[in-house]
Amino acid sequence: MLDTQVIMYVIDLLSARIAEARLGLDRGDVAEKIVIVGVFVALAIAVGVLVTHAVTGDAVQIAHQIGGSK
């Protein structure tokens, strides 16, 4: 008898959670969050490319200066 009560309680709890999820006001926010994260990823990649380009350019310039001083 106790097992049946536990199962019925779990079913009622899950039904309430599903109903709450369906009526939730924050539905549809996932797409907006994905777009925002995508923008931040693109900005991070752009900054990484700029830093890499600057460091590589400085390294080439330093190499030429060292090579010219021989």
PDB file of N, CA and C in Angstrom:
ATOM      1  N   MET A   1       0.821  -1.188   0.000  1.00  0.00           N
ATOM      2  CA  MET A   1       0.000   0.000   0.000  1.00  0.00           C
ATOM      3  C   MET A   1       0.867   1.254   0.000  1.00  0.00           C
ATOM      4  N   LEU A   2       1.983   1.215   0.738  1.00  0.00           N
ATOM      5  CA  LEU A   2       2.863   2.368   0.814  1.00  0.00           C
ATOM      6  C   LEU A   2       3.510   2.659  -0.539  1.00  0.00           C
ATOM      7  N   ASP A   3       3.892   1.616  -1.277  1.00  0.00           N
ATOM      8  CA  ASP A   3       4.483   1.797  -2.596  1.00  0.00           C
ATOM      9  C   ASP A   3       3.512   2.498  -3.538  1.00  0.00           C
ATOM     10  N   THR A   4       2.263   2.175  -3.459  1.00  0.00           N
ATOM     11  CA  THR A   4       1.252   2.789  -4.307  1.00  0.00           C
ATOM     12  C   THR A   4       1.110   4.273  -3.973  1.00  0.00           C
ATOM     13  N   GLN A   5       1.178   4.603  -2.695  1.00  0.00           N
ATOM     14  CA  GLN A   5       1.073   5.999  -2.288  1.00  0.00           C
ATOM     15  C   GLN A   5       2.273   6.811  -2.785  1.00  0.00           C
ATOM     16  N   VAL A   6       3.436   6.216  -2.713  1.00  0.00           N
ATOM     17  CA  VAL A   6       4.643   6.898  -3.192  1.00  0.00           C
ATOM     18  C   VAL A   6       4.559   7.125  -4.693  1.00  0.00           C
ATOM     19  N   ILE A   7       4.128   6.133  -5.420  1.00  0.00           N
ATOM     20  CA  ILE A   7       4.006   6.251  -6.874  1.00  0.00           C
ATOM     21  C   ILE A   7       2.977   7.321  -7.234  1.00  0.00           C
ATOM     22  N   MET A   8       1.857   7.345  -6.538  1.00  0.00           N
ATOM     23  CA  MET A   8       0.829   8.356  -6.808  1.00  0.00           C
ATOM     24  C   MET A   8       1.365   9.769  -6.479  1.00  0.00           C
ATOM     25  N   TYR A   9       2.125   9.889  -5.399  1.00  0.00           N
ATOM     26  CA  TYR A   9       2.717  11.179  -5.034  1.00  0.00           C
ATOM     27  C   TYR A   9       3.675  11.661  -6.119  1.00  0.00           C
ATOM     28  N   VAL A  10       4.513  10.764  -6.620  1.00  0.00           N
ATOM     29  CA  VAL A  10       5.482  11.124  -7.662  1.00  0.00           C
ATOM     30  C   VAL A  10       4.753  11.532  -8.942  1.00  0.00           C
ATOM     31  N   ILE A  11       3.712  10.815  -9.285  1.00  0.00           N
ATOM     32  CA  ILE A  11       2.937  11.149 -10.489  1.00  0.00           C
ATOM     33  C   ILE A  11       2.300  12.524 -10.334  1.00  0.00           C
ATOM     34  N   ASP A  12       1.716  12.811  -9.158  1.00  0.00           N
ATOM     35  CA  ASP A  12       1.116  14.121  -8.924  1.00  0.00           C
ATOM     36  C   ASP A  12       2.167  15.231  -8.976  1.00  0.00           C
ATOM     37  N   LEU A  13       3.333  14.963  -8.397  1.00  0.00           N
ATOM     38  CA  LEU A  13       4.406  15.945  -8.393  1.00  0.00           C
ATOM     39  C   LEU A  13       4.884  16.241  -9.816  1.00  0.00           C
ATOM     40  N   LEU A  14       5.062  15.190 -10.605  1.00  0.00           N
ATOM     41  CA  LEU A  14       5.507  15.377 -11.989  1.00  0.00           C
ATOM     42  C   LEU A  14       4.454  16.103 -12.819  1.00  0.00           C
ATOM     43  N   SER A  15       3.200  15.789 -12.586  1.00  0.00           N
ATOM     44  CA  SER A  15       2.124  16.471 -13.317  1.00  0.00           C
ATOM     45  C   SER A  15       2.109  17.960 -12.991  1.00  0.00           C
ATOM     46  N   ALA A  16       2.297  18.285 -11.730  1.00  0.00           N
ATOM     47  CA  ALA A  16       2.334  19.695 -11.340  1.00  0.00           C
ATOM     48  C   ALA A  16       3.532  20.406 -11.954  1.00  0.00           C
ATOM     49  N   ARG A  17       4.675  19.752 -11.981  1.00  0.00           N
ATOM     50  CA  ARG A  17       5.878  20.365 -12.567  1.00  0.00           C
ATOM     51  C   ARG A  17       5.708  20.580 -14.070  1.00  0.00           C
ATOM     52  N   ILE A  18       5.111  19.610 -14.750  1.00  0.00           N
ATOM     53  CA  ILE A  18       4.890  19.739 -16.193  1.00  0.00           C
ATOM     54  C   ILE A  18       3.919  20.874 -16.478  1.00  0.00           C
ATOM     55  N   ALA A  19       2.861  20.963 -15.701  1.00  0.00           N
ATOM     56  CA  ALA A  19       1.893  22.053 -15.888  1.00  0.00           C
ATOM     57  C   ALA A  19       2.555  23.406 -15.630  1.00  0.00           C
ATOM     58  N   GLU A  20       3.397  23.488 -14.622  1.00  0.00           N
ATOM     59  CA  GLU A  20       4.101  24.732 -14.313  1.00  0.00           C
ATOM     60  C   GLU A  20       5.066  25.107 -15.435  1.00  0.00           C
ATOM     61  N   ALA A  21       5.718  24.118 -15.992  1.00  0.00           N
ATOM     62  CA  ALA A  21       6.660  24.381 -17.078  1.00  0.00           C
ATOM     63  C   ALA A  21       5.935  24.873 -18.329  1.00  0.00           C
ATOM     64  N   ARG A  22       4.768  24.332 -18.587  1.00  0.00           N
ATOM     65  CA  ARG A  22       4.004  24.755 -19.764  1.00  0.00           C
ATOM     66  C   ARG A  22       3.487  26.180 -19.617  1.00  0.00           C
ATOM     67  N   LEU A  23       3.189  26.600 -18.427  1.00  0.00           N
ATOM     68  CA  LEU A  23       2.642  27.933 -18.195  1.00  0.00           C
ATOM     69  C   LEU A  23       3.716  28.950 -17.844  1.00  0.00           C
ATOM     70  N   GLY A  24       4.956  28.520 -17.826  1.00  0.00           N
ATOM     71  CA  GLY A  24       6.053  29.401 -17.423  1.00  0.00           C
ATOM     72  C   GLY A  24       6.185  30.606 -18.336  1.00  0.00           C
ATOM     73  N   LEU A  25       6.532  31.737 -17.741  1.00  0.00           N
ATOM     74  CA  LEU A  25       6.673  32.971 -18.497  1.00  0.00           C
ATOM     75  C   LEU A  25       8.019  33.090 -19.190  1.00  0.00           C
ATOM     76  N   ASP A  26       8.977  32.275 -18.830  1.00  0.00           N
ATOM     77  CA  ASP A  26      10.313  32.380 -19.407  1.00  0.00           C
ATOM     78  C   ASP A  26      10.511  31.465 -20.609  1.00  0.00           C
ATOM     79  N   ARG A  27       9.451  30.971 -21.169  1.00  0.00           N
ATOM     80  CA  ARG A  27       9.584  30.137 -22.364  1.00  0.00           C
ATOM     81  C   ARG A  27      10.033  31.002 -23.528  1.00  0.00           C
ATOM     82  N   GLY A  28      10.888  30.488 -24.380  1.00  0.00           N
ATOM     83  CA  GLY A  28      11.361  31.216 -25.543  1.00  0.00           C
ATOM     84  C   GLY A  28      12.618  32.023 -25.279  1.00  0.00           C
ATOM     85  N   ASP A  29      13.080  32.078 -24.059  1.00  0.00           N
ATOM     86  CA  ASP A  29      14.292  32.818 -23.752  1.00  0.00           C
ATOM     87  C   ASP A  29      15.538  32.091 -24.226  1.00  0.00           C
ATOM     88  N   VAL A  30      15.412  30.840 -24.547  1.00  0.00           N
ATOM     89  CA  VAL A  30      16.581  30.048 -24.940  1.00  0.00           C
ATOM     90  C   VAL A  30      17.169  30.572 -26.237  1.00  0.00           C
ATOM     91  N   ALA A  31      16.324  30.915 -27.203  1.00  0.00           N
ATOM     92  CA  ALA A  31      16.829  31.412 -28.487  1.00  0.00           C
ATOM     93  C   ALA A  31      17.582  32.725 -28.296  1.00  0.00           C
ATOM     94  N   GLU A  32      17.050  33.595 -27.458  1.00  0.00           N
ATOM     95  CA  GLU A  32      17.731  34.862 -27.205  1.00  0.00           C
ATOM     96  C   GLU A  32      19.076  34.637 -26.533  1.00  0.00           C
ATOM     97  N   LYS A  33      19.115  33.723 -25.592  1.00  0.00           N
ATOM     98  CA  LYS A  33      20.370  33.442 -24.898  1.00  0.00           C
ATOM     99  C   LYS A  33      21.398  32.840 -25.844  1.00  0.00           C
ATOM    100  N   ILE A  34      20.951  32.008 -26.763  1.00  0.00           N
ATOM    101  CA  ILE A  34      21.875  31.402 -27.731  1.00  0.00           C
ATOM    102  C   ILE A  34      22.464  32.482 -28.626  1.00  0.00           C
ATOM    103  N   VAL A  35      21.636  33.430 -29.054  1.00  0.00           N
ATOM    104  CA  VAL A  35      22.128  34.521 -29.892  1.00  0.00           C
ATOM    105  C   VAL A  35      23.142  35.370 -29.129  1.00  0.00           C
ATOM    106  N   ILE A  36      22.841  35.678 -27.879  1.00  0.00           N
ATOM    107  CA  ILE A  36      23.758  36.487 -27.072  1.00  0.00           C
ATOM    108  C   ILE A  36      25.086  35.766 -26.872  1.00  0.00           C
ATOM    109  N   VAL A  37      25.024  34.480 -26.567  1.00  0.00           N
ATOM    110  CA  VAL A  37      26.256  33.708 -26.395  1.00  0.00           C
ATOM    111  C   VAL A  37      27.029  33.653 -27.705  1.00  0.00           C
ATOM    112  N   GLY A  38      26.329  33.509 -28.820  1.00  0.00           N
ATOM    113  CA  GLY A  38      26.983  33.497 -30.127  1.00  0.00           C
ATOM    114  C   GLY A  38      27.709  34.799 -30.420  1.00  0.00           C
ATOM    115  N   VAL A  39      27.086  35.920 -30.051  1.00  0.00           N
ATOM    116  CA  VAL A  39      27.734  37.223 -30.249  1.00  0.00           C
ATOM    117  C   VAL A  39      29.000  37.322 -29.399  1.00  0.00           C
ATOM    118  N   PHE A  40      28.917  36.880 -28.145  1.00  0.00           N
ATOM    119  CA  PHE A  40      30.098  36.931 -27.288  1.00  0.00           C
ATOM    120  C   PHE A  40      31.208  36.016 -27.802  1.00  0.00           C
ATOM    121  N   VAL A  41      30.854  34.871 -28.337  1.00  0.00           N
ATOM    122  CA  VAL A  41      31.861  33.965 -28.905  1.00  0.00           C
ATOM    123  C   VAL A  41      32.527  34.613 -30.110  1.00  0.00           C
ATOM    124  N   ALA A  42      31.731  35.249 -30.964  1.00  0.00           N
ATOM    125  CA  ALA A  42      32.297  35.924 -32.139  1.00  0.00           C
ATOM    126  C   ALA A  42      33.232  37.055 -31.720  1.00  0.00           C
ATOM    127  N   LEU A  43      32.840  37.820 -30.692  1.00  0.00           N
ATOM    128  CA  LEU A  43      33.712  38.887 -30.198  1.00  0.00           C
ATOM    129  C   LEU A  43      35.005  38.326 -29.621  1.00  0.00           C
ATOM    130  N   ALA A  44      34.919  37.228 -28.898  1.00  0.00           N
ATOM    131  CA  ALA A  44      36.112  36.611 -28.331  1.00  0.00           C
ATOM    132  C   ALA A  44      37.054  36.119 -29.433  1.00  0.00           C
ATOM    133  N   ILE A  45      36.498  35.550 -30.481  1.00  0.00           N
ATOM    134  CA  ILE A  45      37.324  35.085 -31.601  1.00  0.00           C
ATOM    135  C   ILE A  45      37.990  36.267 -32.289  1.00  0.00           C
ATOM    136  N   ALA A  46      37.230  37.362 -32.468  1.00  0.00           N
ATOM    137  CA  ALA A  46      37.798  38.548 -33.113  1.00  0.00           C
ATOM    138  C   ALA A  46      38.940  39.135 -32.284  1.00  0.00           C
ATOM    139  N   VAL A  47      38.770  39.206 -30.988  1.00  0.00           N
ATOM    140  CA  VAL A  47      39.834  39.708 -30.123  1.00  0.00           C
ATOM    141  C   VAL A  47      41.048  38.785 -30.186  1.00  0.00           C
ATOM    142  N   GLY A  48      40.816  37.492 -30.202  1.00  0.00           N
ATOM    143  CA  GLY A  48      41.914  36.537 -30.312  1.00  0.00           C
ATOM    144  C   GLY A  48      42.690  36.704 -31.612  1.00  0.00           C
ATOM    145  N   VAL A  49      41.974  36.928 -32.697  1.00  0.00           N
ATOM    146  CA  VAL A  49      42.636  37.130 -33.989  1.00  0.00           C
ATOM    147  C   VAL A  49      43.452  38.414 -33.972  1.00  0.00           C
ATOM    148  N   LEU A  50      42.892  39.478 -33.404  1.00  0.00           N
ATOM    149  CA  LEU A  50      43.624  40.746 -33.344  1.00  0.00           C
ATOM    150  C   LEU A  50      44.885  40.632 -32.492  1.00  0.00           C
ATOM    151  N   VAL A  51      44.790  39.975 -31.368  1.00  0.00           N
ATOM    152  CA  VAL A  51      45.955  39.808 -30.501  1.00  0.00           C
ATOM    153  C   VAL A  51      47.002  38.946 -31.197  1.00  0.00           C
ATOM    154  N   THR A  52      46.579  37.875 -31.828  1.00  0.00           N
ATOM    155  CA  THR A  52      47.517  36.999 -32.540  1.00  0.00           C
ATOM    156  C   THR A  52      48.216  37.763 -33.657  1.00  0.00           C
ATOM    157  N   HIS A  53      47.459  38.558 -34.391  1.00  0.00           N
ATOM    158  CA  HIS A  53      48.044  39.341 -35.488  1.00  0.00           C
ATOM    159  C   HIS A  53      49.053  40.357 -34.946  1.00  0.00           C
ATOM    160  N   ALA A  54      48.715  41.020 -33.849  1.00  0.00           N
ATOM    161  CA  ALA A  54      49.621  42.012 -33.270  1.00  0.00           C
ATOM    162  C   ALA A  54      50.900  41.354 -32.764  1.00  0.00           C
ATOM    163  N   VAL A  55      50.775  40.232 -32.093  1.00  0.00           N
ATOM    164  CA  VAL A  55      51.951  39.541 -31.555  1.00  0.00           C
ATOM    165  C   VAL A  55      52.818  39.009 -32.692  1.00  0.00           C
ATOM    166  N   THR A  56      52.203  38.453 -33.707  1.00  0.00           N
ATOM    167  CA  THR A  56      52.955  37.925 -34.848  1.00  0.00           C
ATOM    168  C   THR A  56      53.685  39.050 -35.580  1.00  0.00           C
ATOM    169  N   GLY A  57      52.993  40.176 -35.755  1.00  0.00           N
ATOM    170  CA  GLY A  57      53.631  41.322 -36.419  1.00  0.00           C
ATOM    171  C   GLY A  57      54.817  41.836 -35.632  1.00  0.00           C
ATOM    172  N   ASP A  58      54.669  41.935 -34.323  1.00  0.00           N
ATOM    173  CA  ASP A  58      55.782  42.379 -33.486  1.00  0.00           C
ATOM    174  C   ASP A  58      56.921  41.371 -33.512  1.00  0.00           C
ATOM    175  N   ALA A  59      56.612  40.114 -33.537  1.00  0.00           N
ATOM    176  CA  ALA A  59      57.655  39.084 -33.570  1.00  0.00           C
ATOM    177  C   ALA A  59      58.437  39.155 -34.872  1.00  0.00           C
ATOM    178  N   VAL A  60      57.753  39.370 -35.975  1.00  0.00           N
ATOM    179  CA  VAL A  60      58.438  39.472 -37.268  1.00  0.00           C
ATOM    180  C   VAL A  60      59.323  40.727 -37.278  1.00  0.00           C
ATOM    181  N   GLN A  61      58.794  41.831 -36.743  1.00  0.00           N
ATOM    182  CA  GLN A  61      59.584  43.071 -36.704  1.00  0.00           C
ATOM    183  C   GLN A  61      60.823  42.898 -35.830  1.00  0.00           C
ATOM    184  N   ILE A  62      60.691  42.259 -34.708  1.00  0.00           N
ATOM    185  CA  ILE A  62      61.834  42.025 -33.816  1.00  0.00           C
ATOM    186  C   ILE A  62      62.847  41.097 -34.503  1.00  0.00           C
ATOM    187  N   ALA A  63      62.350  40.084 -35.207  1.00  0.00           N
ATOM    188  CA  ALA A  63      63.252  39.170 -35.910  1.00  0.00           C
ATOM    189  C   ALA A  63      64.039  39.899 -36.977  1.00  0.00           C
ATOM    190  N   HIS A  64      63.409  40.822 -37.707  1.00  0.00           N
ATOM    191  CA  HIS A  64      64.108  41.586 -38.714  1.00  0.00           C
ATOM    192  C   HIS A  64      65.139  42.506 -38.077  1.00  0.00           C
ATOM    193  N   GLN A  65      64.804  43.094 -36.947  1.00  0.00           N
ATOM    194  CA  GLN A  65      65.755  43.972 -36.266  1.00  0.00           C
ATOM    195  C   GLN A  65      66.973  43.193 -35.765  1.00  0.00           C
ATOM    196  N   ILE A  66      66.717  41.988 -35.233  1.00  0.00           N
ATOM    197  CA  ILE A  66      67.813  41.152 -34.751  1.00  0.00           C
ATOM    198  C   ILE A  66      68.663  40.677 -35.919  1.00  0.00           C
ATOM    199  N   GLY A  67      67.995  40.287 -36.998  1.00  0.00           N
ATOM    200  CA  GLY A  67      68.731  39.813 -38.187  1.00  0.00           C
ATOM    201  C   GLY A  67      69.531  40.927 -38.824  1.00  0.00           C
ATOM    202  N   GLY A  68      69.044  42.144 -38.793  1.00  0.00           N
ATOM    203  CA  GLY A  68      69.751  43.271 -39.391  1.00  0.00           C
ATOM    204  C   GLY A  68      70.925  43.752 -38.557  1.00  0.00           C
ATOM    205  N   SER A  69      70.944  43.401 -37.291  1.00  0.00           N
ATOM    206  CA  SER A  69      72.011  43.890 -36.423  1.00  0.00           C
ATOM    207  C   SER A  69      73.273  43.029 -36.492  1.00  0.00           C
ATOM    208  N   LYS A  70      73.224  41.926 -37.208  1.00  0.00           N
ATOM    209  CA  LYS A  70      74.409  41.047 -37.303  1.00  0.00           C
ATOM    210  C   LYS A  70      75.425  41.648 -38.157  1.00  0.00           C
TER     211      LYS A  70
END
